[in-house]
Protein backbone atom coordinates (compact mmCIF):
# COMPACT_ATOMS: atom_id res chain seq x y z
CA MET A 1 69.41 -54.51 31.34
CA ILE A 2 72.28 -52.42 29.75
CA THR A 3 71.49 -49.25 27.82
CA LEU A 4 73.86 -48.20 25.22
CA LEU A 5 73.90 -44.55 24.44
CA ALA A 6 75.02 -43.50 20.87
CA ALA A 7 77.72 -40.83 20.90
CA THR A 8 77.18 -37.52 19.12
CA VAL A 9 79.64 -37.09 16.39
CA ILE A 10 80.99 -33.61 16.19
CA SER A 11 81.63 -32.35 12.55
CA CYS A 12 85.06 -30.87 12.32
CA LEU A 13 86.21 -29.16 9.17
CA GLN A 14 89.55 -28.66 10.78
CA LEU A 15 90.85 -30.95 13.59
CA THR A 16 94.19 -30.22 15.14
CA ALA A 17 96.22 -31.21 18.18
CA VAL A 18 96.65 -28.34 20.75
CA ASP A 19 98.59 -30.60 23.07
CA GLY A 20 98.54 -34.41 23.75
CA ASP A 21 95.08 -34.33 25.47
CA THR A 22 93.44 -31.35 23.82
CA ILE A 23 92.17 -30.99 20.30
CA LYS A 24 90.82 -27.90 18.46
CA CYS A 25 87.75 -28.67 16.26
CA ASN A 26 86.60 -25.65 14.08
CA GLY A 27 88.48 -23.24 16.47
CA ARG A 28 87.14 -24.57 19.73
CA ASN A 29 89.40 -26.40 22.29
CA MET A 30 88.02 -29.85 23.42
CA ARG A 31 89.47 -32.12 26.12
CA LEU A 32 90.14 -35.76 25.40
CA ILE A 33 88.62 -38.23 27.96
CA GLY A 34 89.02 -41.70 26.32
CA ASP A 35 87.10 -44.38 28.17
CA GLY A 36 87.01 -42.29 31.40
CA VAL A 37 84.09 -40.91 33.33
CA PRO A 38 83.78 -37.09 33.53
CA PHE A 39 85.44 -35.70 36.63
CA LYS A 40 86.48 -39.22 37.87
CA SER A 41 88.83 -40.50 35.24
CA GLY A 42 90.22 -39.80 31.73
CA ILE A 43 93.62 -39.41 30.28
CA ASP A 44 96.39 -36.87 31.01
CA THR A 45 99.50 -35.99 28.86
CA PRO A 46 102.55 -33.86 29.94
CA GLU A 47 102.10 -30.08 29.60
CA THR A 48 103.80 -28.11 26.81
CA GLY A 49 105.30 -24.66 26.88
CA GLY A 50 104.99 -22.46 30.07
CA ARG A 51 102.52 -24.83 31.76
CA ALA A 52 105.25 -27.56 32.03
CA LYS A 53 106.78 -27.95 35.43
CA CYS A 54 110.29 -29.18 34.20
CA GLU A 55 112.04 -29.52 30.94
CA ARG A 56 111.37 -33.26 30.88
CA GLU A 57 107.69 -32.75 31.02
CA ARG A 58 108.01 -30.23 28.21
CA MET A 59 109.88 -32.52 26.02
CA LEU A 60 107.41 -35.44 26.67
CA GLY A 61 104.48 -33.16 26.11
CA LYS A 62 105.83 -32.17 22.64
CA GLU A 63 106.10 -35.99 21.88
CA ALA A 64 102.55 -36.59 23.00
CA LYS A 65 101.32 -33.70 20.85
CA LYS A 66 103.08 -34.95 17.86
CA ARG A 67 101.70 -38.39 18.17
CA LEU A 68 98.12 -37.16 18.67
CA ALA A 69 98.68 -34.98 15.55
CA GLU A 70 99.71 -38.10 13.53
CA LEU A 71 96.64 -39.93 14.76
CA LEU A 72 94.39 -36.97 13.73
CA ARG A 73 95.69 -37.28 10.10
CA GLU A 74 94.39 -40.93 9.69
CA PRO A 75 91.47 -41.48 7.49
CA GLY A 76 88.13 -41.66 9.04
CA VAL A 77 88.94 -39.90 12.37
CA ARG A 78 86.06 -38.41 14.12
CA SER A 79 85.38 -36.72 17.55
CA GLU A 80 82.56 -37.89 19.74
CA ASP A 81 80.88 -35.58 22.23
CA THR A 82 80.24 -37.04 25.64
CA GLY A 83 77.70 -34.32 26.44
CA GLN A 84 79.78 -33.19 29.29
CA VAL A 85 82.25 -30.07 29.68
CA ASP A 86 85.36 -29.64 31.92
CA ASP A 87 85.23 -27.63 35.07
CA THR A 88 87.64 -24.86 33.87
CA ASP A 89 86.74 -21.35 32.86
CA GLN A 90 86.79 -22.39 29.17
CA ARG A 91 84.04 -25.08 29.70
CA ARG A 92 85.77 -27.29 27.09
CA PRO A 93 83.63 -30.26 25.78
CA LEU A 94 84.85 -33.64 26.86
CA VAL A 95 85.24 -35.75 23.80
CA ARG A 96 86.63 -39.03 22.53
CA VAL A 97 88.67 -39.32 19.24
CA ARG A 98 87.68 -42.34 17.37
CA LEU A 99 89.90 -43.54 14.42
CA GLY A 100 88.49 -45.04 11.29
CA ASN A 101 89.44 -48.51 12.60
CA GLY A 102 87.29 -47.95 15.72
CA GLN A 103 90.12 -47.59 18.12
CA LEU A 104 90.16 -44.55 20.47
CA ALA A 105 93.23 -42.30 19.91
CA GLU A 106 93.43 -41.97 23.66
CA ASN A 107 93.88 -45.64 24.14
CA ILE A 108 96.75 -45.62 21.67
CA LEU A 109 98.35 -42.75 23.54
CA LEU A 110 98.02 -44.65 26.83
CA SER A 111 99.33 -47.89 25.23
CA GLU A 112 102.33 -46.15 23.73
CA GLY A 113 103.26 -44.26 27.02
CA HIS A 114 102.42 -40.82 25.82
CA ALA A 115 99.45 -40.50 28.39
CA ILE A 116 98.54 -41.79 31.72
CA ILE A 117 95.14 -42.49 33.24
CA TRP A 118 93.87 -39.13 34.87
CA ARG A 119 92.43 -39.18 38.32
CA PRO A 120 91.67 -36.30 40.66
CA LYS A 121 94.53 -35.34 42.95
CA VAL A 122 96.99 -37.82 41.62
CA LYS A 123 100.53 -36.50 41.27
CA ARG A 124 101.82 -36.53 37.68
CA PRO A 125 105.09 -38.54 37.20
CA TRP A 126 106.90 -36.51 34.54
CA CYS A 127 109.07 -34.37 36.91
CA GLY A 128 110.05 -36.92 39.46
């Protein structure tokens, strides 16, 4: 028997892209997980600003953030809480962003090459 759990929709008066895999909902940062499993898989995008390890990563990170921002402006966008938080000091909620047409924004970022599947201890490809 398969049990389906309904996602809890988070009401966001203001929803913005912090970077390619983090959103801000009502002033709180939330980490995108897509179809992943908390602490085992998810999505990852290049870093922006001082956290980028090279200029190429910074440039790709800006492109990922721009694309996520475009997706967040589509009609009917909602953030769905997985009930989990990340293991950083911020304890950011792990969420999915679902567009009005039912697609996950994370899957679009993956299909367009702005994101990769995140797995623990896997080297990121952006700086060679």
